[in-house]
Each structure stands twice: as C-alpha cells, then as structure tokens.
PDB file of N, CA and C in Angstrom:
ATOM      1  N   MET A   1     188.718 143.118 166.289  1.00  0.00           N
ATOM      2  CA  MET A   1     189.021 141.399 166.808  1.00  0.00           C
ATOM      3  C   MET A   1     189.994 140.266 166.061  1.00  0.00           C
ATOM      4  N   ALA A   2     190.852 140.237 166.288  1.00  0.00           N
ATOM      5  CA  ALA A   2     191.561 139.591 165.533  1.00  0.00           C
ATOM      6  C   ALA A   2     191.112 138.157 165.402  1.00  0.00           C
ATOM      7  N   ALA A   3     190.588 137.232 164.529  1.00  0.00           N
ATOM      8  CA  ALA A   3     190.338 135.713 165.078  1.00  0.00           C
ATOM      9  C   ALA A   3     191.522 135.089 164.617  1.00  0.00           C
ATOM     10  N   SER A   4     192.173 134.137 165.800  1.00  0.00           N
ATOM     11  CA  SER A   4     192.767 132.596 165.551  1.00  0.00           C
ATOM     12  C   SER A   4     192.848 132.621 165.092  1.00  0.00           C
ATOM     13  N   ALA A   5     193.636 132.212 164.256  1.00  0.00           N
ATOM     14  CA  ALA A   5     193.869 131.103 162.528  1.00  0.00           C
ATOM     15  C   ALA A   5     193.184 129.324 162.970  1.00  0.00           C
ATOM     16  N   PRO A   6     192.618 128.695 162.835  1.00  0.00           N
ATOM     17  CA  PRO A   6     192.136 127.801 162.931  1.00  0.00           C
ATOM     18  C   PRO A   6     193.143 127.019 162.602  1.00  0.00           C
ATOM     19  N   THR A   7     193.363 125.937 163.710  1.00  0.00           N
ATOM     20  CA  THR A   7     194.126 124.718 162.951  1.00  0.00           C
ATOM     21  C   THR A   7     194.391 124.469 161.722  1.00  0.00           C
ATOM     22  N   PRO A   8     195.197 123.959 161.194  1.00  0.00           N
ATOM     23  CA  PRO A   8     194.808 123.231 160.090  1.00  0.00           C
ATOM     24  C   PRO A   8     194.363 121.621 159.795  1.00  0.00           C
ATOM     25  N   HIS A   9     193.941 120.975 161.237  1.00  0.00           N
ATOM     26  CA  HIS A   9     193.709 119.625 161.198  1.00  0.00           C
ATOM     27  C   HIS A   9     192.677 120.385 162.557  1.00  0.00           C
ATOM     28  N   GLY A  10     190.686 121.566 162.410  1.00  0.00           N
ATOM     29  CA  GLY A  10     190.572 121.228 163.000  1.00  0.00           C
ATOM     30  C   GLY A  10     190.758 121.404 164.314  1.00  0.00           C
ATOM     31  N   THR A  11     190.619 120.431 165.143  1.00  0.00           N
ATOM     32  CA  THR A  11     190.713 119.616 166.332  1.00  0.00           C
ATOM     33  C   THR A  11     192.653 119.991 166.756  1.00  0.00           C
ATOM     34  N   GLY A  12     193.011 119.391 165.879  1.00  0.00           N
ATOM     35  CA  GLY A  12     194.443 118.789 165.669  1.00  0.00           C
ATOM     36  C   GLY A  12     194.106 117.371 166.272  1.00  0.00           C
ATOM     37  N   PHE A  13     192.455 116.165 166.037  1.00  0.00           N
ATOM     38  CA  PHE A  13     193.001 114.641 166.252  1.00  0.00           C
ATOM     39  C   PHE A  13     190.796 114.600 166.753  1.00  0.00           C
ATOM     40  N   PRO A  14     191.517 113.083 165.936  1.00  0.00           N
ATOM     41  CA  PRO A  14     190.048 112.574 165.595  1.00  0.00           C
ATOM     42  C   PRO A  14     188.967 112.551 167.033  1.00  0.00           C
ATOM     43  N   ALA A  15     188.049 112.762 167.040  1.00  0.00           N
ATOM     44  CA  ALA A  15     186.875 112.463 167.699  1.00  0.00           C
ATOM     45  C   ALA A  15     187.250 110.836 168.271  1.00  0.00           C
ATOM     46  N   GLU A  16     186.896 109.983 169.775  1.00  0.00           N
ATOM     47  CA  GLU A  16     187.087 109.459 170.108  1.00  0.00           C
ATOM     48  C   GLU A  16     186.588 108.229 169.637  1.00  0.00           C
ATOM     49  N   GLY A  17     187.065 107.149 169.361  1.00  0.00           N
ATOM     50  CA  GLY A  17     186.765 105.848 168.286  1.00  0.00           C
ATOM     51  C   GLY A  17     186.261 106.325 167.738  1.00  0.00           C
ATOM     52  N   ARG A  18     186.992 107.241 166.301  1.00  0.00           N
ATOM     53  CA  ARG A  18     186.565 107.213 164.927  1.00  0.00           C
ATOM     54  C   ARG A  18     188.341 107.442 164.183  1.00  0.00           C
ATOM     55  N   CYS A  19     187.722 107.739 162.431  1.00  0.00           N
ATOM     56  CA  CYS A  19     188.791 107.334 162.069  1.00  0.00           C
ATOM     57  C   CYS A  19     190.338 108.606 162.167  1.00  0.00           C
ATOM     58  N   GLY A  20     191.464 108.963 162.549  1.00  0.00           N
ATOM     59  CA  GLY A  20     192.432 109.483 161.977  1.00  0.00           C
ATOM     60  C   GLY A  20     192.791 109.830 160.636  1.00  0.00           C
ATOM     61  N   TYR A  21     191.924 109.146 159.770  1.00  0.00           N
ATOM     62  CA  TYR A  21     192.914 110.144 158.141  1.00  0.00           C
ATOM     63  C   TYR A  21     192.114 110.950 158.444  1.00  0.00           C
ATOM     64  N   TYR A  22     193.444 112.096 158.104  1.00  0.00           N
ATOM     65  CA  TYR A  22     192.876 113.769 157.791  1.00  0.00           C
ATOM     66  C   TYR A  22     192.105 113.119 155.922  1.00  0.00           C
ATOM     67  N   VAL A  23     190.874 114.213 155.896  1.00  0.00           N
ATOM     68  CA  VAL A  23     190.208 114.714 154.577  1.00  0.00           C
ATOM     69  C   VAL A  23     191.176 115.485 154.095  1.00  0.00           C
ATOM     70  N   GLU A  24     191.806 115.117 153.457  1.00  0.00           N
ATOM     71  CA  GLU A  24     191.927 117.703 152.879  1.00  0.00           C
ATOM     72  C   GLU A  24     190.806 118.303 151.637  1.00  0.00           C
ATOM     73  N   LYS A  25     190.705 117.544 151.494  1.00  0.00           N
ATOM     74  CA  LYS A  25     189.021 117.764 150.777  1.00  0.00           C
ATOM     75  C   LYS A  25     188.187 118.550 151.328  1.00  0.00           C
ATOM     76  N   LYS A  26     188.068 118.234 152.235  1.00  0.00           N
ATOM     77  CA  LYS A  26     186.762 118.147 153.521  1.00  0.00           C
ATOM     78  C   LYS A  26     187.212 118.938 154.726  1.00  0.00           C
ATOM     79  N   LYS A  27     188.592 118.985 154.326  1.00  0.00           N
ATOM     80  CA  LYS A  27     189.626 119.829 156.260  1.00  0.00           C
ATOM     81  C   LYS A  27     188.917 119.172 157.427  1.00  0.00           C
ATOM     82  N   ARG A  28     188.994 117.717 157.427  1.00  0.00           N
ATOM     83  CA  ARG A  28     188.681 116.572 158.611  1.00  0.00           C
ATOM     84  C   ARG A  28     188.616 115.893 158.625  1.00  0.00           C
ATOM     85  N   PHE A  29     188.775 114.817 160.005  1.00  0.00           N
ATOM     86  CA  PHE A  29     188.829 114.244 160.241  1.00  0.00           C
ATOM     87  C   PHE A  29     187.804 112.928 159.909  1.00  0.00           C
ATOM     88  N   CYS A  30     188.862 111.689 158.736  1.00  0.00           N
ATOM     89  CA  CYS A  30     187.759 110.901 158.320  1.00  0.00           C
ATOM     90  C   CYS A  30     186.051 110.528 159.374  1.00  0.00           C
ATOM     91  N   ARG A  31     185.079 110.896 159.222  1.00  0.00           N
ATOM     92  CA  ARG A  31     184.016 110.128 160.574  1.00  0.00           C
ATOM     93  C   ARG A  31     183.826 108.351 161.026  1.00  0.00           C
ATOM     94  N   MET A  32     184.613 107.453 160.367  1.00  0.00           N
ATOM     95  CA  MET A  32     184.027 106.520 160.446  1.00  0.00           C
ATOM     96  C   MET A  32     184.462 105.730 161.004  1.00  0.00           C
ATOM     97  N   VAL A  33     183.333 105.321 161.967  1.00  0.00           N
ATOM     98  CA  VAL A  33     184.472 104.195 163.052  1.00  0.00           C
ATOM     99  C   VAL A  33     185.255 103.240 162.988  1.00  0.00           C
ATOM    100  N   VAL A  34     186.225 103.792 163.652  1.00  0.00           N
ATOM    101  CA  VAL A  34     187.015 102.246 164.265  1.00  0.00           C
ATOM    102  C   VAL A  34     186.746 101.240 164.610  1.00  0.00           C
ATOM    103  N   ALA A  35     187.120 100.116 164.972  1.00  0.00           N
ATOM    104  CA  ALA A  35     187.264  98.677 165.239  1.00  0.00           C
ATOM    105  C   ALA A  35     188.288  98.893 166.325  1.00  0.00           C
ATOM    106  N   ALA A  36     188.442  98.021 166.966  1.00  0.00           N
ATOM    107  CA  ALA A  36     188.249  97.910 168.641  1.00  0.00           C
ATOM    108  C   ALA A  36     190.198  97.541 168.392  1.00  0.00           C
ATOM    109  N   GLY A  37     191.359  99.204 168.763  1.00  0.00           N
ATOM    110  CA  GLY A  37     192.551  99.011 169.088  1.00  0.00           C
ATOM    111  C   GLY A  37     193.627  99.254 167.617  1.00  0.00           C
ATOM    112  N   LYS A  38     192.264 100.721 166.863  1.00  0.00           N
ATOM    113  CA  LYS A  38     192.560 100.561 165.375  1.00  0.00           C
ATOM    114  C   LYS A  38     192.374 101.169 165.268  1.00  0.00           C
ATOM    115  N   ARG A  39     193.203 102.181 164.618  1.00  0.00           N
ATOM    116  CA  ARG A  39     193.832 103.591 164.379  1.00  0.00           C
ATOM    117  C   ARG A  39     192.303 104.224 163.070  1.00  0.00           C
ATOM    118  N   PHE A  40     193.389 103.400 162.084  1.00  0.00           N
ATOM    119  CA  PHE A  40     191.808 103.414 160.937  1.00  0.00           C
ATOM    120  C   PHE A  40     190.820 102.898 160.346  1.00  0.00           C
ATOM    121  N   CYS A  41     189.341 103.849 160.041  1.00  0.00           N
ATOM    122  CA  CYS A  41     188.446 102.896 159.489  1.00  0.00           C
ATOM    123  C   CYS A  41     189.076 101.697 158.094  1.00  0.00           C
ATOM    124  N   GLY A  42     188.499 100.596 157.348  1.00  0.00           N
ATOM    125  CA  GLY A  42     188.476  99.664 156.217  1.00  0.00           C
ATOM    126  C   GLY A  42     188.906 100.573 155.161  1.00  0.00           C
ATOM    127  N   GLU A  43     188.576 101.704 154.966  1.00  0.00           N
ATOM    128  CA  GLU A  43     188.595 102.875 153.498  1.00  0.00           C
ATOM    129  C   GLU A  43     190.495 103.511 153.376  1.00  0.00           C
ATOM    130  N   HIS A  44     190.221 103.216 155.239  1.00  0.00           N
ATOM    131  CA  HIS A  44     191.820 104.111 154.579  1.00  0.00           C
ATOM    132  C   HIS A  44     192.880 103.540 155.580  1.00  0.00           C
ATOM    133  N   ALA A  45     192.735 101.604 155.891  1.00  0.00           N
ATOM    134  CA  ALA A  45     193.207 101.543 156.199  1.00  0.00           C
ATOM    135  C   ALA A  45     194.434 101.088 155.827  1.00  0.00           C
ATOM    136  N   GLY A  46     194.711 101.464 154.260  1.00  0.00           N
ATOM    137  CA  GLY A  46     196.284 101.803 153.361  1.00  0.00           C
ATOM    138  C   GLY A  46     197.024 102.678 153.718  1.00  0.00           C
ATOM    139  N   ALA A  47     196.065 103.859 154.433  1.00  0.00           N
ATOM    140  CA  ALA A  47     197.362 103.954 155.154  1.00  0.00           C
ATOM    141  C   ALA A  47     197.684 103.978 156.631  1.00  0.00           C
ATOM    142  N   ALA A  48     197.822 103.624 156.809  1.00  0.00           N
ATOM    143  CA  ALA A  48     198.563 102.811 157.870  1.00  0.00           C
ATOM    144  C   ALA A  48     199.170 101.324 157.834  1.00  0.00           C
ATOM    145  N   GLU A  49     199.941 101.388 156.529  1.00  0.00           N
ATOM    146  CA  GLU A  49     200.145 100.760 156.451  1.00  0.00           C
ATOM    147  C   GLU A  49     201.644  99.898 156.908  1.00  0.00           C
ATOM    148  N   GLU A  50     202.066 100.384 158.946  1.00  0.00           N
ATOM    149  CA  GLU A  50     202.625 100.167 160.073  1.00  0.00           C
ATOM    150  C   GLU A  50     201.781  99.171 159.844  1.00  0.00           C
ATOM    151  N   GLU A  51     200.481  99.680 160.899  1.00  0.00           N
ATOM    152  CA  GLU A  51     199.722  99.173 161.677  1.00  0.00           C
ATOM    153  C   GLU A  51     199.403  97.653 160.626  1.00  0.00           C
ATOM    154  N   ASN A  52     198.701  97.490 159.861  1.00  0.00           N
ATOM    155  CA  ASN A  52     198.379  96.650 159.089  1.00  0.00           C
ATOM    156  C   ASN A  52     198.796  96.506 157.263  1.00  0.00           C
ATOM    157  N   ALA A  53     200.014  95.212 157.246  1.00  0.00           N
ATOM    158  CA  ALA A  53     200.716  94.448 155.757  1.00  0.00           C
ATOM    159  C   ALA A  53     199.891  94.201 154.909  1.00  0.00           C
ATOM    160  N   ARG A  54     198.533  94.319 155.026  1.00  0.00           N
ATOM    161  CA  ARG A  54     197.627  93.602 153.805  1.00  0.00           C
ATOM    162  C   ARG A  54     197.692  94.832 153.190  1.00  0.00           C
ATOM    163  N   LYS A  55     197.030  94.508 151.373  1.00  0.00           N
ATOM    164  CA  LYS A  55     196.365  94.757 150.485  1.00  0.00           C
ATOM    165  C   LYS A  55     195.462  95.867 150.295  1.00  0.00           C
ATOM    166  N   ARG A  56     194.510  96.283 150.317  1.00  0.00           N
ATOM    167  CA  ARG A  56     193.463  96.798 149.728  1.00  0.00           C
ATOM    168  C   ARG A  56     193.566  97.162 148.156  1.00  0.00           C
ATOM    169  N   ILE A  57     192.734  96.866 147.636  1.00  0.00           N
ATOM    170  CA  ILE A  57     192.189  96.746 146.568  1.00  0.00           C
ATOM    171  C   ILE A  57     190.806  97.020 145.619  1.00  0.00           C
ATOM    172  N   LEU A  58     189.968  98.080 144.486  1.00  0.00           N
ATOM    173  CA  LEU A  58     189.176  98.273 143.861  1.00  0.00           C
ATOM    174  C   LEU A  58     188.317  97.056 143.772  1.00  0.00           C
ATOM    175  N   CYS A  59     186.923  97.498 144.761  1.00  0.00           N
ATOM    176  CA  CYS A  59     186.369  96.200 143.976  1.00  0.00           C
ATOM    177  C   CYS A  59     185.500  96.569 142.026  1.00  0.00           C
ATOM    178  N   PRO A  60     186.418  95.107 141.589  1.00  0.00           N
ATOM    179  CA  PRO A  60     185.594  94.724 140.349  1.00  0.00           C
ATOM    180  C   PRO A  60     184.615  94.799 139.875  1.00  0.00           C
ATOM    181  N   LEU A  61     183.583  94.874 140.976  1.00  0.00           N
ATOM    182  CA  LEU A  61     182.191  94.925 140.259  1.00  0.00           C
ATOM    183  C   LEU A  61     182.345  96.562 140.645  1.00  0.00           C
ATOM    184  N   ASP A  62     182.925  96.938 141.796  1.00  0.00           N
ATOM    185  CA  ASP A  62     181.507  99.026 141.551  1.00  0.00           C
ATOM    186  C   ASP A  62     183.127  98.941 142.671  1.00  0.00           C
ATOM    187  N   PRO A  63     183.608 100.253 141.998  1.00  0.00           N
ATOM    188  CA  PRO A  63     185.362 101.124 142.161  1.00  0.00           C
ATOM    189  C   PRO A  63     184.619 102.030 142.978  1.00  0.00           C
ATOM    190  N   LYS A  64     184.108 102.303 143.640  1.00  0.00           N
ATOM    191  CA  LYS A  64     183.375 103.152 145.055  1.00  0.00           C
ATOM    192  C   LYS A  64     183.868 102.884 146.047  1.00  0.00           C
ATOM    193  N   HIS A  65     184.389 101.477 145.783  1.00  0.00           N
ATOM    194  CA  HIS A  65     184.772 100.861 147.664  1.00  0.00           C
ATOM    195  C   HIS A  65     185.813  99.300 147.564  1.00  0.00           C
ATOM    196  N   THR A  66     187.084  99.063 148.778  1.00  0.00           N
ATOM    197  CA  THR A  66     188.131  98.367 147.803  1.00  0.00           C
ATOM    198  C   THR A  66     187.285  97.775 149.198  1.00  0.00           C
ATOM    199  N   VAL A  67     188.364  96.137 149.379  1.00  0.00           N
ATOM    200  CA  VAL A  67     188.654  95.145 149.757  1.00  0.00           C
ATOM    201  C   VAL A  67     189.978  95.144 149.058  1.00  0.00           C
ATOM    202  N   TYR A  68     190.197  94.307 150.902  1.00  0.00           N
ATOM    203  CA  TYR A  68     191.461  93.141 150.529  1.00  0.00           C
ATOM    204  C   TYR A  68     192.278  92.208 150.099  1.00  0.00           C
ATOM    205  N   GLU A  69     192.926  92.119 149.528  1.00  0.00           N
ATOM    206  CA  GLU A  69     192.869  91.459 148.205  1.00  0.00           C
ATOM    207  C   GLU A  69     192.778  90.467 148.342  1.00  0.00           C
ATOM    208  N   ASP A  70     193.462  89.464 148.957  1.00  0.00           N
ATOM    209  CA  ASP A  70     193.631  88.323 150.200  1.00  0.00           C
ATOM    210  C   ASP A  70     191.468  87.533 150.240  1.00  0.00           C
ATOM    211  N   GLN A  71     190.660  88.631 150.140  1.00  0.00           N
ATOM    212  CA  GLN A  71     189.558  88.443 151.115  1.00  0.00           C
ATOM    213  C   GLN A  71     188.569  88.374 149.277  1.00  0.00           C
ATOM    214  N   LEU A  72     188.859  88.493 148.054  1.00  0.00           N
ATOM    215  CA  LEU A  72     189.214  89.211 147.602  1.00  0.00           C
ATOM    216  C   LEU A  72     187.864  87.928 146.610  1.00  0.00           C
ATOM    217  N   ALA A  73     187.740  86.755 146.435  1.00  0.00           N
ATOM    218  CA  ALA A  73     187.466  85.828 146.620  1.00  0.00           C
ATOM    219  C   ALA A  73     185.806  86.256 147.253  1.00  0.00           C
ATOM    220  N   LYS A  74     186.083  85.952 148.922  1.00  0.00           N
ATOM    221  CA  LYS A  74     184.974  85.731 149.103  1.00  0.00           C
ATOM    222  C   LYS A  74     183.874  87.008 149.644  1.00  0.00           C
ATOM    223  N   HIS A  75     184.621  88.116 148.845  1.00  0.00           N
ATOM    224  CA  HIS A  75     183.771  89.246 149.111  1.00  0.00           C
ATOM    225  C   HIS A  75     183.080  89.168 147.481  1.00  0.00           C
ATOM    226  N   LEU A  76     183.045  89.225 146.407  1.00  0.00           N
ATOM    227  CA  LEU A  76     182.426  88.868 145.598  1.00  0.00           C
ATOM    228  C   LEU A  76     181.519  88.369 145.714  1.00  0.00           C
ATOM    229  N   LYS A  77     181.363  87.140 145.987  1.00  0.00           N
ATOM    230  CA  LYS A  77     179.588  86.616 146.379  1.00  0.00           C
ATOM    231  C   LYS A  77     179.041  86.935 147.192  1.00  0.00           C
ATOM    232  N   LYS A  78     179.126  88.253 147.762  1.00  0.00           N
ATOM    233  CA  LYS A  78     178.065  89.001 148.749  1.00  0.00           C
ATOM    234  C   LYS A  78     178.296  90.349 148.991  1.00  0.00           C
ATOM    235  N   CYS A  79     178.898  91.057 147.670  1.00  0.00           N
ATOM    236  CA  CYS A  79     178.871  91.777 147.287  1.00  0.00           C
ATOM    237  C   CYS A  79     178.346  92.763 146.712  1.00  0.00           C
ATOM    238  N   ASN A  80     176.800  93.094 146.904  1.00  0.00           N
ATOM    239  CA  ASN A  80     175.379  93.850 146.925  1.00  0.00           C
ATOM    240  C   ASN A  80     175.667  94.477 144.953  1.00  0.00           C
ATOM    241  N   SER A  81     176.744  95.014 144.872  1.00  0.00           N
ATOM    242  CA  SER A  81     176.968  95.238 143.550  1.00  0.00           C
ATOM    243  C   SER A  81     176.766  93.646 142.226  1.00  0.00           C
ATOM    244  N   ARG A  82     177.034  92.677 142.959  1.00  0.00           N
ATOM    245  CA  ARG A  82     176.829  91.760 142.269  1.00  0.00           C
ATOM    246  C   ARG A  82     175.717  91.883 141.699  1.00  0.00           C
ATOM    247  N   GLU A  83     175.778  90.998 140.576  1.00  0.00           N
ATOM    248  CA  GLU A  83     174.657  90.501 139.065  1.00  0.00           C
ATOM    249  C   GLU A  83     173.275  89.778 140.216  1.00  0.00           C
ATOM    250  N   LYS A  84     172.156  89.517 140.447  1.00  0.00           N
ATOM    251  CA  LYS A  84     171.259  88.698 141.536  1.00  0.00           C
ATOM    252  C   LYS A  84     170.993  87.893 139.479  1.00  0.00           C
ATOM    253  N   PRO A  85     171.090  86.580 140.269  1.00  0.00           N
ATOM    254  CA  PRO A  85     170.156  85.469 139.643  1.00  0.00           C
ATOM    255  C   PRO A  85     168.443  86.083 139.518  1.00  0.00           C
ATOM    256  N   LYS A  86     168.239  85.650 138.656  1.00  0.00           N
ATOM    257  CA  LYS A  86     166.994  86.257 137.287  1.00  0.00           C
ATOM    258  C   LYS A  86     165.762  84.991 138.531  1.00  0.00           C
ATOM    259  N   PRO A  87     164.551  85.073 139.163  1.00  0.00           N
ATOM    260  CA  PRO A  87     163.663  83.851 138.846  1.00  0.00           C
ATOM    261  C   PRO A  87     163.199  83.546 137.841  1.00  0.00           C
ATOM    262  N   ASP A  88     162.536  82.632 137.634  1.00  0.00           N
ATOM    263  CA  ASP A  88     162.513  81.229 137.122  1.00  0.00           C
ATOM    264  C   ASP A  88     161.234  82.246 136.261  1.00  0.00           C
ATOM    265  N   PHE A  89     160.155  82.836 136.170  1.00  0.00           N
ATOM    266  CA  PHE A  89     159.314  83.853 135.876  1.00  0.00           C
ATOM    267  C   PHE A  89     159.560  84.729 134.598  1.00  0.00           C
ATOM    268  N   PHE A  90     161.219  84.769 134.899  1.00  0.00           N
ATOM    269  CA  PHE A  90     161.950  86.119 134.331  1.00  0.00           C
ATOM    270  C   PHE A  90     161.654  85.967 132.936  1.00  0.00           C
ATOM    271  N   ILE A  91     161.754  86.948 132.158  1.00  0.00           N
ATOM    272  CA  ILE A  91     161.980  87.528 130.949  1.00  0.00           C
ATOM    273  C   ILE A  91     161.734  88.178 130.354  1.00  0.00           C
ATOM    274  N   GLN A  92     163.043  88.876 129.840  1.00  0.00           N
ATOM    275  CA  GLN A  92     163.644  90.024 129.318  1.00  0.00           C
ATOM    276  C   GLN A  92     163.398  90.515 128.377  1.00  0.00           C
ATOM    277  N   ASP A  93     162.707  92.077 128.429  1.00  0.00           N
ATOM    278  CA  ASP A  93     162.139  92.442 127.672  1.00  0.00           C
ATOM    279  C   ASP A  93     160.698  91.776 126.945  1.00  0.00           C
ATOM    280  N   ILE A  94     159.609  91.544 127.559  1.00  0.00           N
ATOM    281  CA  ILE A  94     158.428  90.985 127.865  1.00  0.00           C
ATOM    282  C   ILE A  94     157.602  91.942 127.343  1.00  0.00           C
ATOM    283  N   ASN A  95     157.847  93.409 127.489  1.00  0.00           N
ATOM    284  CA  ASN A  95     157.200  93.988 127.042  1.00  0.00           C
ATOM    285  C   ASN A  95     157.282  94.742 126.746  1.00  0.00           C
ATOM    286  N   ALA A  96     158.651  95.485 126.167  1.00  0.00           N
ATOM    287  CA  ALA A  96     158.672  96.055 125.043  1.00  0.00           C
ATOM    288  C   ALA A  96     158.379  96.175 123.726  1.00  0.00           C
ATOM    289  N   GLY A  97     157.693  95.315 123.591  1.00  0.00           N
ATOM    290  CA  GLY A  97     156.643  95.527 121.941  1.00  0.00           C
ATOM    291  C   GLY A  97     157.468  94.798 121.386  1.00  0.00           C
ATOM    292  N   LEU A  98     156.916  94.242 120.265  1.00  0.00           N
ATOM    293  CA  LEU A  98     157.393  93.928 118.909  1.00  0.00           C
ATOM    294  C   LEU A  98     158.194  94.672 117.807  1.00  0.00           C
ATOM    295  N   LYS A  99     159.181  94.665 117.271  1.00  0.00           N
ATOM    296  CA  LYS A  99     160.016  95.334 116.334  1.00  0.00           C
ATOM    297  C   LYS A  99     159.633  95.180 116.041  1.00  0.00           C
ATOM    298  N   ASP A 100     159.010  94.471 115.015  1.00  0.00           N
ATOM    299  CA  ASP A 100     158.362  94.949 114.078  1.00  0.00           C
ATOM    300  C   ASP A 100     156.808  94.322 114.254  1.00  0.00           C
ATOM    301  N   GLU A 101     155.411  94.997 113.372  1.00  0.00           N
ATOM    302  CA  GLU A 101     154.107  95.123 114.317  1.00  0.00           C
ATOM    303  C   GLU A 101     154.599  93.782 112.997  1.00  0.00           C
ATOM    304  N   THR A 102     154.506  92.991 112.259  1.00  0.00           N
ATOM    305  CA  THR A 102     154.158  92.409 111.590  1.00  0.00           C
ATOM    306  C   THR A 102     154.950  90.757 112.572  1.00  0.00           C
ATOM    307  N   GLU A 103     156.207  90.697 113.233  1.00  0.00           N
ATOM    308  CA  GLU A 103     156.322  89.900 112.827  1.00  0.00           C
ATOM    309  C   GLU A 103     155.357  89.369 114.819  1.00  0.00           C
ATOM    310  N   ILE A 104     155.584  88.010 115.463  1.00  0.00           N
ATOM    311  CA  ILE A 104     155.136  87.750 116.389  1.00  0.00           C
ATOM    312  C   ILE A 104     156.241  86.824 116.867  1.00  0.00           C
ATOM    313  N   PRO A 105     156.364  86.687 117.391  1.00  0.00           N
ATOM    314  CA  PRO A 105     157.757  85.478 118.043  1.00  0.00           C
ATOM    315  C   PRO A 105     156.904  83.800 118.242  1.00  0.00           C
ATOM    316  N   GLU A 106     157.426  83.160 118.083  1.00  0.00           N
ATOM    317  CA  GLU A 106     156.966  82.178 118.652  1.00  0.00           C
ATOM    318  C   GLU A 106     156.159  81.290 119.777  1.00  0.00           C
ATOM    319  N   GLN A 107     157.176  81.786 119.958  1.00  0.00           N
ATOM    320  CA  GLN A 107     157.394  81.917 121.953  1.00  0.00           C
ATOM    321  C   GLN A 107     155.503  82.286 122.117  1.00  0.00           C
ATOM    322  N   LEU A 108     155.933  83.714 121.508  1.00  0.00           N
ATOM    323  CA  LEU A 108     154.565  84.548 122.707  1.00  0.00           C
ATOM    324  C   LEU A 108     152.855  83.890 122.449  1.00  0.00           C
ATOM    325  N   VAL A 109     153.065  83.036 121.306  1.00  0.00           N
ATOM    326  CA  VAL A 109     151.438  82.701 120.391  1.00  0.00           C
ATOM    327  C   VAL A 109     151.561  81.896 121.788  1.00  0.00           C
TER     328      VAL A 109
END
C-alpha cells in the first residue's frame, strides 16, 4: 500500500478566514484570523508588500511582536510590555531586609 505523498502546503490553501502565510518550520499555514478583505494576519502582513506598503518593525519594549512604524508612538502608550506606574504606597525593596544589621535607615525609624 503506497501512501500518496502529502502536498508541500498540506491542503494547498489556508482555511477560510485564516492567514495565507505558510510557516515552513511548522509545515502548515498560519492559523491567525485575518481582517476582512486581507490575505495575511498582522504578524505576516510584511509578506504582502504588494497589498500593504506600510512597514512593520519590532516593538522596542517587547521584540516578540511587531507594530506598524507609523503607529509606533500610539502603540508604546498602550503596549502591555510597558512599565506600569507604581502606586503611591509602593516602596522598592521594603521587605528585603537590611544590608547591615547595625544600619537602620532614618526613613524606616
């Protein structure tokens, strides 16, 4: 029983409403959902230069995701990887202990 050789791209086309980028490492198409009228998801939009002239760059706060270069300033304000403001009652290393047991900081007395 000779098994038929699988096509290089699985079924040869992505699932309906899914990204059309073929991930070689995983031997399948990307499974992210695409916007209406688009072929690629946001991560693989760079592969569609003819459809979209906007350039995507790595996020400077977290290089695990990308962002459009012209929207970088807006993205940096809402990126989940940005440093969040600390509450007023927060004191860095308050429970870390003393560096020297004989030293007692004036602010803690």
